[in-house]
């Protein structure tokens, strides 16, 4: 026999009990304390030399090195995207020769350490004192000294592009694979040319999967430019090294370099958010339209 509520009695609403998160609060407090201790230590430690940091952070030499770093990263990333797209297309090609060349390129420059690659290019004149273009067993049409072509800037751009394009190729290939094969079959059924199918159908959908890792690769390129300091290119790190080699103020100058790399990474992170929003702008509408169409078909089937 079940109890029934008396006449005129009102049923009280169920009270929702919130889950107690004592562990989250304890972890948050411990992390906040650790961060506070580190900040206090950094501010009060005179060895950080924050006055020296403030004196050099906007110094002309540092800003000139920062501009070279940005220029180098933009040029390398643009060239890497072009080469990476071509390599990804070759990997997707049914031509076995193109496929093998692309695979060998990606394997070679992913396996070769960037530092070794830069040093090889910087010393290329030891292998080939002159670069020539001409007919085999005939006179050279063009012949120049290697050091006039592969300068410090040239070695940095070529080395970084060869290295990064191998990774960009895999990023683009993963994006192309992510597009449903039915899209390609539908375009082929309409006799759409391959270049038009790639530009209008495949790439717009693949960019949703390409943009996040590609932007992350751009961030990596910005940081990787610091390694060209080994061939004496005056980018951000090398500019700071020249200063602290003269003043012996190593720590504050390295903090200046770290600060500008943090700024560049933050800017790229914000840009990534807007680019991802641009390429995802039609996804919500398309999903809603698809849901409405499925609901309509379900109602018609129920009748």
Protein backbone atom coordinates (compact mmCIF):
# COMPACT_ATOMS: atom_id res chain seq x y z
CA UNK A 1 0.00 0.00 0.00
CA UNK A 2 1.46 3.31 -1.11
CA UNK A 3 1.02 6.56 0.71
CA UNK A 4 -0.81 9.22 -1.25
CA UNK A 5 -0.41 12.92 -0.47
CA UNK A 6 -3.27 14.40 1.55
CA UNK A 7 -5.78 16.58 -0.19
CA UNK A 8 -4.65 20.19 -0.43
CA UNK A 9 -1.05 19.30 0.38
CA UNK A 10 1.53 20.79 -1.93
CA UNK A 11 4.46 18.70 -3.12
CA UNK A 12 7.80 20.28 -2.27
CA UNK A 13 10.25 20.62 -5.20
CA UNK A 14 13.19 18.30 -5.13
CA UNK A 15 16.31 19.97 -3.80
CA UNK A 16 19.36 19.59 -6.03
CA UNK A 17 22.51 19.01 -4.03
CA UNK A 18 25.70 20.31 -5.56
CA UNK A 19 28.65 17.95 -5.53
CA UNK A 20 31.34 19.00 -3.12
CA UNK A 21 34.64 19.56 -4.87
CA UNK A 22 37.05 19.71 -1.97
CA UNK A 23 39.85 18.17 -4.04
CA UNK A 24 39.52 20.84 -6.72
CA UNK A 25 39.69 23.61 -4.14
CA UNK A 26 42.75 22.10 -2.45
CA UNK A 27 44.53 21.61 -5.80
CA UNK A 28 43.68 25.17 -6.87
CA UNK A 29 45.01 26.63 -3.65
CA UNK A 30 48.24 24.62 -3.85
CA UNK A 31 48.85 25.65 -7.49
CA UNK A 32 48.11 29.31 -6.68
CA UNK A 33 50.55 29.19 -3.75
CA UNK A 34 53.25 27.61 -5.94
CA UNK A 35 52.78 30.30 -8.62
CA UNK A 36 52.85 33.05 -5.99
CA UNK A 37 56.08 31.67 -4.50
CA UNK A 38 57.72 31.59 -7.94
CA UNK A 39 56.59 35.14 -8.74
CA UNK A 40 57.82 36.49 -5.42
CA UNK A 41 61.13 34.70 -5.89
CA UNK A 42 61.53 36.12 -9.39
CA UNK A 43 60.67 39.66 -8.33
CA UNK A 44 62.83 39.73 -5.20
CA UNK A 45 65.86 37.93 -6.66
CA UNK A 46 68.36 40.63 -7.64
CA UNK A 47 70.14 38.24 -10.01
CA UNK A 48 67.28 38.59 -12.48
CA UNK A 49 68.34 42.23 -12.95
CA UNK A 50 64.91 43.54 -13.97
CA UNK A 51 66.30 47.04 -14.42
CA UNK A 52 68.62 45.71 -17.10
CA UNK A 53 65.70 43.81 -18.62
CA UNK A 54 63.72 47.05 -18.87
CA UNK A 55 66.65 48.84 -20.44
CA UNK A 56 67.09 46.31 -23.25
CA UNK A 57 63.58 44.99 -23.92
CA UNK A 58 62.86 47.82 -26.38
CA UNK A 59 66.46 48.40 -27.38
CA UNK A 60 67.18 49.10 -31.07
CA UNK A 61 69.34 46.01 -31.52
CA UNK A 62 66.75 43.74 -29.91
CA UNK A 63 63.89 45.19 -31.97
CA UNK A 64 65.96 44.84 -35.16
CA UNK A 65 66.56 41.19 -34.30
CA UNK A 66 62.86 40.75 -33.57
CA UNK A 67 61.96 42.12 -37.01
CA UNK A 68 64.41 39.72 -38.68
CA UNK A 69 62.93 36.82 -36.72
CA UNK A 70 59.40 37.68 -37.86
CA UNK A 71 60.53 38.19 -41.47
CA UNK A 72 62.41 34.89 -41.48
CA UNK A 73 59.48 33.00 -39.94
CA UNK A 74 56.95 34.45 -42.41
CA UNK A 75 59.13 33.74 -45.47
CA UNK A 76 59.96 30.21 -44.32
CA UNK A 77 56.35 29.40 -43.47
CA UNK A 78 55.08 30.72 -46.83
CA UNK A 79 57.64 28.66 -48.76
CA UNK A 80 57.00 25.61 -46.56
CA UNK A 81 53.27 25.79 -47.26
CA UNK A 82 53.85 25.93 -51.02
CA UNK A 83 56.33 23.05 -50.96
CA UNK A 84 54.22 21.12 -48.44
CA UNK A 85 51.07 21.35 -50.60
CA UNK A 86 53.03 20.10 -53.63
CA UNK A 87 54.48 17.20 -51.62
CA UNK A 88 51.06 16.28 -50.22
CA UNK A 89 49.61 16.24 -53.75
CA UNK A 90 52.47 14.00 -54.87
CA UNK A 91 51.84 11.63 -51.96
CA UNK A 92 48.18 11.40 -52.96
CA UNK A 93 49.03 10.92 -56.64
CA UNK A 94 48.65 7.56 -58.37
CA UNK A 95 51.99 8.19 -60.08
CA UNK A 96 54.44 5.93 -58.27
CA UNK A 97 57.46 8.05 -59.22
CA UNK A 98 55.96 11.22 -57.74
CA UNK A 99 54.80 9.28 -54.70
CA UNK A 100 58.28 7.83 -54.11
CA UNK A 101 60.01 11.21 -54.53
CA UNK A 102 57.63 12.84 -52.05
CA UNK A 103 58.09 10.01 -49.54
CA UNK A 104 61.88 10.18 -49.86
CA UNK A 105 61.90 13.97 -49.41
CA UNK A 106 59.74 13.79 -46.28
CA UNK A 107 61.80 10.97 -44.82
CA UNK A 108 65.13 12.67 -45.52
CA UNK A 109 64.39 16.10 -44.07
CA UNK A 110 62.40 14.81 -41.10
CA UNK A 111 65.28 12.48 -40.23
CA UNK A 112 68.05 15.08 -40.62
CA UNK A 113 68.51 17.29 -37.52
CA UNK A 114 67.95 20.94 -38.37
CA UNK A 115 71.25 22.01 -36.80
CA UNK A 116 73.17 19.56 -38.98
CA UNK A 117 71.24 20.70 -42.07
CA UNK A 118 72.02 24.37 -41.41
CA UNK A 119 75.71 23.68 -40.90
CA UNK A 120 75.86 21.64 -44.11
CA UNK A 121 74.25 24.42 -46.11
CA UNK A 122 76.42 27.07 -44.46
CA UNK A 123 79.52 25.09 -45.52
CA UNK A 124 78.17 24.07 -48.92
CA UNK A 125 81.02 25.88 -50.65
CA UNK A 126 83.40 23.24 -49.29
CA UNK A 127 81.55 20.66 -51.43
CA UNK A 128 80.62 22.83 -54.40
CA UNK A 129 82.79 25.96 -54.69
CA UNK A 130 80.74 27.09 -57.66
CA UNK A 131 77.14 26.51 -58.74
CA UNK A 132 76.80 26.09 -62.50
CA UNK A 133 73.97 25.59 -64.95
CA UNK A 134 74.74 24.30 -68.41
CA UNK A 135 74.77 21.40 -70.82
CA UNK A 136 76.39 18.14 -69.62
CA UNK A 137 79.91 17.80 -71.05
CA UNK A 138 79.51 21.31 -72.47
CA UNK A 139 80.12 24.90 -71.46
CA UNK A 140 78.38 26.37 -68.43
CA UNK A 141 75.66 28.87 -69.24
CA UNK A 142 75.64 30.31 -65.74
CA UNK A 143 78.33 29.91 -63.10
CA UNK A 144 78.50 31.70 -59.75
CA UNK A 145 80.41 31.27 -56.52
CA UNK A 146 78.42 29.27 -54.00
CA UNK A 147 78.98 31.80 -51.21
CA UNK A 148 77.32 34.53 -53.28
CA UNK A 149 74.10 32.47 -53.49
CA UNK A 150 74.06 30.54 -50.23
CA UNK A 151 74.68 33.44 -47.87
CA UNK A 152 73.88 33.36 -44.16
CA UNK A 153 70.29 34.45 -44.85
CA UNK A 154 70.02 32.08 -47.80
CA UNK A 155 71.27 29.12 -45.77
CA UNK A 156 68.78 29.94 -43.00
CA UNK A 157 65.81 30.23 -45.38
CA UNK A 158 66.72 27.13 -47.40
CA UNK A 159 67.49 24.99 -44.35
CA UNK A 160 64.35 25.96 -42.43
CA UNK A 161 62.17 25.57 -45.53
CA UNK A 162 63.51 22.09 -46.31
CA UNK A 163 62.96 21.04 -42.71
CA UNK A 164 59.54 22.57 -42.12
CA UNK A 165 58.05 21.72 -45.53
CA UNK A 166 58.43 18.02 -44.72
CA UNK A 167 56.21 18.48 -41.67
CA UNK A 168 53.78 20.75 -43.53
CA UNK A 169 53.42 18.05 -46.19
CA UNK A 170 52.22 15.57 -43.59
CA UNK A 171 49.82 18.15 -42.13
CA UNK A 172 48.27 18.81 -45.55
CA UNK A 173 48.14 15.10 -46.36
CA UNK A 174 46.29 14.40 -43.10
CA UNK A 175 43.83 17.18 -43.94
CA UNK A 176 43.20 15.81 -47.44
CA UNK A 177 42.64 12.32 -46.06
CA UNK A 178 40.11 13.67 -43.53
CA UNK A 179 37.70 14.70 -46.34
CA UNK A 180 35.11 12.04 -47.05
CA UNK A 181 35.96 10.13 -50.23
CA UNK A 182 32.36 10.47 -51.38
CA UNK A 183 32.98 14.18 -51.96
CA UNK A 184 35.69 13.33 -54.48
CA UNK A 185 33.53 10.69 -56.15
CA UNK A 186 30.64 13.13 -56.48
CA UNK A 187 32.92 15.73 -58.11
CA UNK A 188 34.31 13.13 -60.50
CA UNK A 189 30.76 12.06 -61.40
CA UNK A 190 30.11 15.68 -62.44
CA UNK A 191 33.24 15.58 -64.65
CA UNK A 192 34.82 18.35 -62.56
CA UNK A 193 38.49 18.97 -63.37
CA UNK A 194 40.96 17.88 -60.72
CA UNK A 195 42.29 21.38 -59.96
CA UNK A 196 38.76 22.76 -59.64
CA UNK A 197 37.67 19.88 -57.42
CA UNK A 198 40.67 20.47 -55.17
CA UNK A 199 40.08 24.24 -54.97
CA UNK A 200 36.30 24.27 -54.55
CA UNK A 201 35.51 21.05 -52.69
CA UNK A 202 38.47 19.25 -51.12
CA UNK A 203 40.64 22.08 -49.74
CA UNK A 204 37.82 24.15 -48.12
CA UNK A 205 36.78 21.10 -46.10
CA UNK A 206 40.33 19.96 -45.42
CA UNK A 207 41.31 23.36 -44.03
CA UNK A 208 39.25 22.70 -40.90
CA UNK A 209 41.63 19.87 -40.06
CA UNK A 210 44.72 21.63 -41.43
CA UNK A 211 44.53 25.03 -39.71
CA UNK A 212 45.12 24.00 -36.05
CA UNK A 213 48.28 21.90 -36.63
CA UNK A 214 49.51 24.32 -39.32
CA UNK A 215 49.23 27.27 -36.93
CA UNK A 216 51.01 25.22 -34.29
CA UNK A 217 53.73 24.58 -36.87
CA UNK A 218 54.01 28.33 -37.46
CA UNK A 219 54.55 28.85 -33.73
CA UNK A 220 57.22 26.17 -33.89
CA UNK A 221 58.89 27.93 -36.84
CA UNK A 222 59.01 31.21 -34.90
CA UNK A 223 60.81 29.49 -32.03
CA UNK A 224 63.00 27.38 -34.32
CA UNK A 225 64.43 30.50 -35.96
CA UNK A 226 66.56 30.89 -32.85
CA UNK A 227 68.71 27.98 -34.01
CA UNK A 228 70.04 29.98 -36.98
CA UNK A 229 72.13 31.90 -34.44
CA UNK A 230 74.71 29.10 -34.88
CA UNK A 231 75.45 30.43 -38.38
CA UNK A 232 75.64 34.03 -37.09
CA UNK A 233 72.40 35.33 -38.56
CA UNK A 234 71.45 38.42 -36.50
CA UNK A 235 67.96 37.37 -35.49
CA UNK A 236 66.52 37.89 -32.00
CA UNK A 237 68.67 35.44 -30.04
CA UNK A 238 71.91 36.29 -31.84
CA UNK A 239 71.28 40.02 -31.30
CA UNK A 240 70.97 39.34 -27.56
CA UNK A 241 74.09 37.15 -27.61
CA UNK A 242 76.11 39.97 -29.15
CA UNK A 243 75.02 42.30 -26.36
CA UNK A 244 75.65 39.98 -23.41
CA UNK A 245 78.98 38.87 -24.87
CA UNK A 246 80.02 42.51 -24.43
CA UNK A 247 78.24 43.37 -21.17
CA UNK A 248 78.18 39.91 -19.48
CA UNK A 249 74.51 40.48 -18.56
CA UNK A 250 73.42 37.06 -19.74
CA UNK A 251 70.30 36.39 -17.67
CA UNK A 252 68.39 39.63 -18.31
CA UNK A 253 69.14 39.45 -22.05
CA UNK A 254 67.86 35.87 -22.21
CA UNK A 255 64.74 37.02 -20.34
CA UNK A 256 64.26 39.71 -23.00
CA UNK A 257 64.43 37.04 -25.72
CA UNK A 258 61.98 34.84 -23.82
CA UNK A 259 59.59 37.77 -23.39
CA UNK A 260 59.44 38.50 -27.12
CA UNK A 261 58.96 34.84 -28.02
CA UNK A 262 56.05 34.74 -25.56
CA UNK A 263 54.55 37.83 -27.21
CA UNK A 264 54.87 36.35 -30.71
CA UNK A 265 53.32 33.06 -29.57
CA UNK A 266 50.40 34.90 -27.93
CA UNK A 267 49.72 36.87 -31.12
CA UNK A 268 49.75 33.71 -33.22
CA UNK A 269 47.43 31.96 -30.76
CA UNK A 270 44.87 34.76 -31.07
CA UNK A 271 45.21 34.73 -34.86
CA UNK A 272 44.66 30.96 -34.86
CA UNK A 273 41.34 31.41 -33.06
CA UNK A 274 40.05 33.82 -35.70
CA UNK A 275 41.26 31.67 -38.60
CA UNK A 276 39.61 28.56 -37.14
CA UNK A 277 36.38 30.53 -36.66
CA UNK A 278 36.53 31.63 -40.32
CA UNK A 279 36.88 28.09 -41.66
CA UNK A 280 34.24 26.72 -39.26
CA UNK A 281 31.69 29.45 -40.02
CA UNK A 282 29.45 27.18 -42.11
CA UNK A 283 29.61 24.08 -39.95
CA UNK A 284 26.93 25.06 -37.40
CA UNK A 285 24.46 26.12 -40.07
CA UNK A 286 25.06 23.02 -42.12
CA UNK A 287 24.59 20.78 -39.09
CA UNK A 288 21.31 22.50 -38.18
CA UNK A 289 20.03 22.24 -41.74
CA UNK A 290 20.95 18.57 -41.86
CA UNK A 291 19.16 17.92 -38.58
CA UNK A 292 16.02 19.64 -39.82
CA UNK A 293 16.08 17.62 -43.04
CA UNK A 294 16.50 14.35 -41.13
CA UNK A 295 13.60 15.27 -38.83
CA UNK A 296 11.40 16.01 -41.84
CA UNK A 297 12.23 12.68 -43.45
CA UNK A 298 11.53 10.87 -40.18
CA UNK A 299 8.08 12.51 -39.94
CA UNK A 300 7.26 11.59 -43.52
CA UNK A 301 8.31 8.00 -42.90
CA UNK A 302 6.09 7.86 -39.79
CA UNK A 303 3.03 8.79 -41.82
